[in-house]
Amino acid sequence: MENTATDYKKLYEQELEAHRESLLTISKKEEKITNLQFELDKLKRYFLGSKSEKRTGNVGLNQMGLFELGTTRAVQEELSGSVSTAPQKPAPKKRAKGTGRMSLPEDLKREEVVIQPSESTEGCVQIGQEVTEVLEVVPGSFYVKRYVRPKYAKPNGEGILIGILPDRVIEKGIPSESVVAQLTVDKYVFGMPLHRQLDKYCRMGVRIPASSASDWVMRGWEQIQPLWELLRLMITSQKYLQVDETPLKVLDRDHKNGIHQGYMWLYHAPADRLVLFDYRKGRDQSGPREMLADFRGIIQTDGYQVYDSLYGNHEHIRLTFCMAHARRYVKCNNMTSKAP
């Protein structure tokens, strides 16, 4: 007689095996989902995350820049190879690291000090010499230049003769152009505030009031203002400019906090590598409207609305934007996101 009894043990083992396979499949799917989610997060960070806006320079050999004029790098190398070059001096041998002494510039003035032996050299023959060079410095010092102008009386009472004083930065003022130039260069080139300069001069024996030094610097600016105007004309005569503005905190006694928010506007002419700085107390249209009144060409800026309102539909100016800023507005998953 055939045994038709149900084998519950076998059914249990089959169900258990099927459950294990199901759990394994779910685990693989979850792992795949996790990996895909990780890749998606990386992709979002790449498009929407904060990035440096500096150019990397990873451009192909034959790839030209968007605004770059001229031949490609490969053509330039081919042309340069066909041009005969002047014979070059052999490169000096590099000394091993940590050996020898620093070489001093050959164009520096040399002052020789001959040191004879303490003993008598009578009857001796000089067979050579040893030279040791030491770097010296003469600290800056003040001095007074006196203009002495003899006065002569003409015969028969016809008048008086006297020499004419040379032109000075400040008419009837104490400082010469060298003092004003030193104050200006130390302040704006080497970043030394006026009060530190005046402390230094006081230790050198010359006390200059702070108000006088400020007036001297301002009067010195009046003398170089024509150079600034010339630079402005040279930049605005270009065909392509890059314009941007950056905030700048400025001391202001009349402000309630003793400081106000100013803006430094920058006008860059890449073709001739010229840069013009123009300070304004605000960020409104007055700055670029005045500076670019006679400009004709292409202006590249960021997305600040002032530029669009001024030059969006301008007759002689074409407004373009920065590609590095364009990444901030990316449409992803039917949503528009803006990076911080």
Protein backbone atom coordinates (compact mmCIF):
# COMPACT_ATOMS: atom_id res chain seq x y z
CA MET A 1 0.00 0.00 0.00
CA GLU A 2 1.39 3.41 -1.07
CA ASN A 3 2.35 5.73 1.79
CA THR A 4 0.56 9.08 1.18
CA ALA A 5 1.42 10.68 4.56
CA THR A 6 2.72 14.29 4.36
CA ASP A 7 6.41 14.69 5.12
CA TYR A 8 6.28 17.85 7.22
CA LYS A 9 9.99 17.78 7.90
CA LYS A 10 10.79 17.94 4.20
CA LEU A 11 8.29 20.74 3.65
CA TYR A 12 9.83 22.68 6.54
CA GLU A 13 13.32 22.33 5.09
CA GLN A 14 12.07 23.44 1.65
CA GLU A 15 10.36 26.51 3.10
CA LEU A 16 13.44 27.32 5.15
CA GLU A 17 15.68 27.09 2.09
CA ALA A 18 13.32 29.29 0.08
CA HIS A 19 13.29 31.82 2.89
CA ARG A 20 17.09 31.89 2.99
CA GLU A 21 17.26 32.44 -0.78
CA SER A 22 14.72 35.24 -0.45
CA LEU A 23 16.76 36.90 2.31
CA LEU A 24 19.92 36.58 0.20
CA THR A 25 18.18 38.19 -2.78
CA ILE A 26 16.91 41.04 -0.61
CA SER A 27 20.40 41.54 0.82
CA LYS A 28 21.89 41.76 -2.67
CA LYS A 29 19.23 44.22 -3.75
CA GLU A 30 19.81 46.37 -0.66
CA GLU A 31 23.56 46.35 -1.32
CA LYS A 32 22.94 47.39 -4.92
CA ILE A 33 20.57 50.13 -3.79
CA THR A 34 23.20 51.38 -1.30
CA ASN A 35 25.86 51.50 -4.01
CA LEU A 36 23.56 53.32 -6.41
CA GLN A 37 22.59 55.79 -3.68
CA PHE A 38 26.28 56.42 -2.98
CA GLU A 39 26.96 57.11 -6.66
CA LEU A 40 23.93 59.40 -6.81
CA ASP A 41 25.14 61.36 -3.79
CA LYS A 42 28.58 61.74 -5.40
CA LEU A 43 26.96 63.00 -8.58
CA LYS A 44 24.85 65.54 -6.67
CA ARG A 45 27.88 66.79 -4.76
CA TYR A 46 29.77 67.15 -8.04
CA PHE A 47 27.08 69.29 -9.64
CA LEU A 48 25.61 71.07 -6.62
CA GLY A 49 28.38 71.07 -4.05
CA SER A 50 30.75 73.93 -3.26
CA LYS A 51 33.73 74.04 -5.60
CA SER A 52 36.73 76.20 -6.22
CA GLU A 53 36.11 78.51 -9.17
CA LYS A 54 39.75 78.68 -10.17
CA ARG A 55 40.70 77.42 -13.59
CA THR A 56 42.48 74.08 -13.42
CA GLY A 57 44.24 74.52 -16.72
CA ASN A 58 43.55 70.89 -17.74
CA VAL A 59 43.14 71.76 -21.40
CA GLY A 60 44.00 69.42 -24.25
CA LEU A 61 47.08 70.00 -26.35
CA ASN A 62 45.10 71.25 -29.34
CA GLN A 63 42.28 72.83 -27.34
CA MET A 64 42.10 76.63 -27.37
CA GLY A 65 40.61 78.68 -24.58
CA LEU A 66 37.19 80.24 -25.05
CA PHE A 67 38.56 83.78 -25.26
CA GLU A 68 42.12 82.87 -26.25
CA LEU A 69 43.46 84.22 -29.50
CA GLY A 70 46.31 82.85 -31.58
CA THR A 71 47.60 79.41 -32.49
CA THR A 72 47.40 76.21 -30.48
CA ARG A 73 50.23 75.04 -28.27
CA ALA A 74 51.27 72.33 -30.73
CA VAL A 75 51.55 74.84 -33.58
CA GLN A 76 53.48 77.25 -31.37
CA GLU A 77 56.00 74.54 -30.47
CA GLU A 78 56.37 73.63 -34.15
CA LEU A 79 56.99 77.25 -35.12
CA SER A 80 59.40 77.87 -32.26
CA GLY A 81 61.42 74.84 -33.33
CA SER A 82 61.98 76.31 -36.79
CA VAL A 83 63.38 79.60 -35.44
CA SER A 84 67.10 79.77 -34.78
CA THR A 85 67.84 80.80 -31.23
CA ALA A 86 70.87 82.53 -29.83
CA PRO A 87 73.42 80.28 -28.09
CA GLN A 88 72.59 79.97 -24.44
CA LYS A 89 75.06 80.01 -21.62
CA PRO A 90 75.51 76.67 -19.90
CA ALA A 91 73.40 76.44 -16.79
CA PRO A 92 75.43 76.77 -13.60
CA LYS A 93 75.88 73.62 -11.62
CA LYS A 94 73.55 73.31 -8.70
CA ARG A 95 75.28 72.98 -5.41
CA ALA A 96 74.24 70.26 -3.06
CA LYS A 97 71.55 71.15 -0.57
CA GLY A 98 72.92 72.50 2.68
CA THR A 99 76.41 73.18 1.35
CA GLY A 100 78.16 76.43 0.50
CA ARG A 101 76.90 79.95 1.11
CA MET A 102 74.20 82.07 -0.47
CA SER A 103 75.53 83.89 -3.53
CA LEU A 104 75.24 87.66 -3.41
CA PRO A 105 74.05 89.67 -6.45
CA GLU A 106 76.88 90.79 -8.70
CA ASP A 107 75.33 94.22 -9.31
CA LEU A 108 75.59 95.26 -5.66
CA LYS A 109 78.20 97.86 -4.82
CA ARG A 110 81.34 96.33 -3.31
CA GLU A 111 83.36 98.04 -0.59
CA GLU A 112 86.73 96.43 -0.02
CA VAL A 113 88.43 96.30 3.36
CA VAL A 114 92.02 95.01 3.20
CA ILE A 115 93.19 93.34 6.39
CA GLN A 116 96.97 92.96 6.66
CA PRO A 117 98.61 90.45 9.00
CA SER A 118 99.49 91.74 12.42
CA GLU A 119 103.13 90.62 11.93
CA SER A 120 105.58 92.38 9.62
CA THR A 121 105.44 91.27 5.95
CA GLU A 122 108.91 92.59 5.09
CA GLY A 123 110.68 90.12 2.83
CA CYS A 124 107.49 88.10 2.18
CA VAL A 125 105.99 87.37 -1.23
CA GLN A 126 102.18 87.50 -1.69
CA ILE A 127 101.00 84.18 -3.10
CA GLY A 128 97.28 84.93 -3.23
CA GLN A 129 94.40 86.18 -1.14
CA GLU A 130 91.22 85.02 0.51
CA VAL A 131 88.03 86.98 -0.09
CA THR A 132 85.07 86.86 2.28
CA GLU A 133 81.88 88.69 1.32
CA VAL A 134 79.45 89.91 3.96
CA LEU A 135 76.05 91.48 3.18
CA GLU A 136 75.70 94.97 4.66
CA VAL A 137 72.85 97.50 4.78
CA VAL A 138 72.77 101.26 5.35
CA PRO A 139 69.55 102.20 7.20
CA GLY A 140 67.46 104.98 5.70
CA SER A 141 68.02 108.40 7.16
CA PHE A 142 66.56 111.86 6.86
CA TYR A 143 68.48 114.90 5.78
CA VAL A 144 67.63 118.50 5.02
CA LYS A 145 68.16 119.95 1.56
CA ARG A 146 68.71 123.70 1.68
CA TYR A 147 68.00 125.79 -1.40
CA VAL A 148 70.18 128.88 -1.13
CA ARG A 149 69.25 131.61 -3.64
CA PRO A 150 71.52 134.63 -3.71
CA LYS A 151 69.71 137.90 -4.39
CA TYR A 152 71.19 140.51 -6.68
CA ALA A 153 70.21 144.13 -7.08
CA LYS A 154 70.19 145.41 -10.64
CA PRO A 155 71.99 148.66 -11.34
CA ASN A 156 70.09 151.88 -11.34
CA GLY A 157 67.37 150.38 -9.15
CA GLU A 158 65.92 148.27 -11.97
CA GLY A 159 64.91 145.40 -9.67
CA ILE A 160 66.23 142.28 -7.97
CA LEU A 161 67.51 139.02 -9.47
CA ILE A 162 66.99 135.69 -7.69
CA GLY A 163 66.89 132.04 -8.78
CA ILE A 164 63.57 130.19 -9.18
CA LEU A 165 62.80 127.32 -6.82
CA PRO A 166 62.19 123.93 -8.49
CA ASP A 167 58.65 122.57 -8.50
CA ARG A 168 57.61 120.58 -5.45
CA VAL A 169 54.83 118.12 -4.68
CA ILE A 170 53.34 120.49 -2.11
CA GLU A 171 53.92 124.13 -2.90
CA LYS A 172 55.49 125.89 0.11
CA GLY A 173 55.35 122.56 1.95
CA ILE A 174 58.05 120.88 4.02
CA PRO A 175 58.22 117.40 2.37
CA SER A 176 60.02 116.71 -0.87
CA GLU A 177 58.78 114.24 -3.46
CA SER A 178 61.03 111.54 -1.97
CA VAL A 179 59.28 111.73 1.43
CA VAL A 180 55.80 111.63 -0.11
CA ALA A 181 56.80 108.74 -2.37
CA GLN A 182 58.24 106.79 0.57
CA LEU A 183 55.07 107.27 2.63
CA THR A 184 52.89 106.16 -0.28
CA VAL A 185 54.94 103.11 -1.28
CA ASP A 186 55.32 101.86 2.30
CA LYS A 187 51.58 102.22 2.89
CA TYR A 188 50.09 100.83 -0.33
CA VAL A 189 52.82 98.48 -1.59
CA PHE A 190 54.30 97.09 1.63
CA GLY A 191 51.15 97.42 3.76
CA MET A 192 52.68 99.57 6.50
CA PRO A 193 50.03 101.87 8.06
CA LEU A 194 50.90 105.52 8.53
CA HIS A 195 51.03 105.33 12.33
CA ARG A 196 53.73 102.62 12.14
CA GLN A 197 55.72 104.68 9.68
CA LEU A 198 55.48 107.72 11.92
CA ASP A 199 56.63 105.69 14.93
CA LYS A 200 59.63 104.56 12.90
CA TYR A 201 60.45 108.12 11.82
CA CYS A 202 60.11 109.33 15.38
CA ARG A 203 62.83 106.87 16.44
CA MET A 204 64.95 108.28 13.62
CA GLY A 205 64.66 111.75 15.16
CA VAL A 206 61.91 113.29 13.00
CA ARG A 207 58.45 113.71 14.47
CA ILE A 208 55.69 114.09 11.84
CA PRO A 209 52.09 114.74 12.99
CA ALA A 210 49.59 112.15 11.74
CA SER A 211 47.36 114.83 10.23
CA SER A 212 50.27 116.24 8.24
CA ALA A 213 51.28 112.80 6.93
CA SER A 214 47.70 112.13 5.78
CA ASP A 215 47.61 115.45 3.95
CA TRP A 216 50.94 114.70 2.30
CA VAL A 217 49.70 111.36 0.98
CA MET A 218 46.50 112.95 -0.37
CA ARG A 219 48.46 115.74 -2.06
CA GLY A 220 50.78 113.13 -3.53
CA TRP A 221 47.76 111.34 -5.00
CA GLU A 222 46.79 114.55 -6.79
CA GLN A 223 50.15 114.45 -8.58
CA ILE A 224 49.70 110.89 -9.91
CA GLN A 225 45.99 111.21 -10.73
CA PRO A 226 46.78 111.90 -14.42
CA LEU A 227 48.48 108.48 -14.55
CA TRP A 228 45.30 106.90 -13.19
CA GLU A 229 43.24 108.69 -15.80
CA LEU A 230 45.62 107.45 -18.51
CA LEU A 231 45.26 103.88 -17.23
CA ARG A 232 41.46 104.24 -17.29
CA LEU A 233 41.57 105.41 -20.90
CA MET A 234 43.83 102.51 -21.88
CA ILE A 235 41.51 99.95 -20.25
CA THR A 236 38.25 101.38 -21.58
CA SER A 237 39.70 101.39 -25.11
CA GLN A 238 39.92 97.58 -25.00
CA LYS A 239 37.41 95.29 -26.73
CA TYR A 240 37.02 92.80 -23.89
CA LEU A 241 36.91 93.47 -20.14
CA GLN A 242 36.26 91.47 -16.99
CA VAL A 243 34.42 93.42 -14.27
CA ASP A 244 33.77 92.50 -10.65
CA GLU A 245 33.27 94.18 -7.28
CA THR A 246 34.23 93.11 -3.77
CA PRO A 247 33.21 94.46 -0.34
CA LEU A 248 35.72 96.49 1.62
CA LYS A 249 35.42 97.71 5.21
CA VAL A 250 36.51 101.33 5.58
CA LEU A 251 37.07 103.34 8.76
CA ASP A 252 34.51 106.12 9.05
CA ARG A 253 34.22 108.43 12.05
CA ASP A 254 30.81 109.65 10.92
CA HIS A 255 29.34 106.13 10.91
CA LYS A 256 27.65 104.88 14.07
CA ASN A 257 29.92 101.81 14.19
CA GLY A 258 33.03 103.70 13.13
CA ILE A 259 33.19 101.72 9.91
CA HIS A 260 31.18 101.54 6.70
CA GLN A 261 30.89 98.96 3.95
CA GLY A 262 32.55 100.16 0.78
CA TYR A 263 33.19 98.39 -2.51
CA MET A 264 36.29 98.07 -4.65
CA TRP A 265 35.37 97.73 -8.33
CA LEU A 266 37.90 95.96 -10.52
CA TYR A 267 38.27 96.36 -14.29
CA HIS A 268 40.58 93.79 -15.87
CA ALA A 269 41.84 93.86 -19.47
CA PRO A 270 43.27 90.33 -20.03
CA ALA A 271 44.69 91.07 -23.48
CA ASP A 272 47.16 93.70 -22.17
CA ARG A 273 47.19 92.46 -18.54
CA LEU A 274 45.98 95.79 -17.19
CA VAL A 275 43.99 96.17 -13.97
CA LEU A 276 42.19 99.26 -12.70
CA PHE A 277 40.78 99.61 -9.17
CA ASP A 278 37.97 102.06 -8.48
CA TYR A 279 36.67 102.55 -4.94
CA ARG A 280 32.99 103.38 -4.36
CA LYS A 281 30.98 103.78 -1.19
CA GLY A 282 28.13 101.72 -2.64
CA ARG A 283 27.32 98.87 -5.01
CA ASP A 284 24.84 100.72 -7.21
CA GLN A 285 25.01 101.52 -10.91
CA SER A 286 26.94 104.76 -10.57
CA GLY A 287 30.37 103.10 -10.56
CA PRO A 288 30.25 101.05 -13.77
CA ARG A 289 28.03 103.60 -15.52
CA GLU A 290 30.67 106.31 -15.04
CA MET A 291 33.73 104.14 -15.67
CA LEU A 292 32.38 102.44 -18.81
CA ALA A 293 30.59 105.41 -20.35
CA ASP A 294 32.86 105.33 -23.44
CA PHE A 295 33.45 101.57 -23.58
CA ARG A 296 32.52 99.56 -26.69
CA GLY A 297 32.94 95.80 -26.68
CA ILE A 298 32.38 92.71 -24.51
CA ILE A 299 32.01 92.75 -20.72
CA GLN A 300 32.25 89.53 -18.72
CA THR A 301 30.75 89.60 -15.21
CA ASP A 302 29.00 87.44 -12.65
CA GLY A 303 25.21 87.37 -12.34
CA TYR A 304 24.85 90.62 -10.39
CA GLN A 305 21.68 92.35 -11.61
CA VAL A 306 23.30 95.79 -11.93
CA TYR A 307 25.25 94.64 -14.98
CA ASP A 308 22.14 93.21 -16.62
CA SER A 309 20.14 96.36 -16.00
CA LEU A 310 22.91 98.52 -17.48
CA TYR A 311 24.14 96.42 -20.39
CA GLY A 312 21.53 93.71 -20.95
CA ASN A 313 20.18 95.47 -24.04
CA HIS A 314 23.00 97.93 -24.66
CA GLU A 315 23.64 99.11 -28.19
CA HIS A 316 27.45 98.99 -28.10
CA ILE A 317 28.17 96.56 -25.24
CA ARG A 318 27.63 92.81 -25.24
CA LEU A 319 27.20 91.31 -21.78
CA THR A 320 28.60 87.82 -21.13
CA PHE A 321 28.83 85.81 -17.94
CA CYS A 322 31.32 83.65 -16.09
CA MET A 323 31.11 79.92 -16.82
CA ALA A 324 32.42 79.16 -13.32
CA HIS A 325 29.30 80.84 -11.91
CA ALA A 326 26.98 78.97 -14.26
CA ARG A 327 27.44 75.74 -12.31
CA ARG A 328 25.60 77.30 -9.38
CA TYR A 329 22.32 76.90 -11.23
CA VAL A 330 21.79 73.28 -12.17
CA LYS A 331 18.51 71.58 -12.98
CA CYS A 332 18.49 68.10 -11.47
CA ASN A 333 15.50 65.76 -10.94
CA ASN A 334 13.16 68.45 -12.30
CA MET A 335 14.31 70.79 -9.53
CA THR A 336 16.45 73.90 -9.71
CA SER A 337 19.12 73.92 -7.01
CA LYS A 338 21.49 76.66 -6.02
CA ALA A 339 24.80 75.89 -4.35
CA PRO A 340 25.69 77.97 -1.29
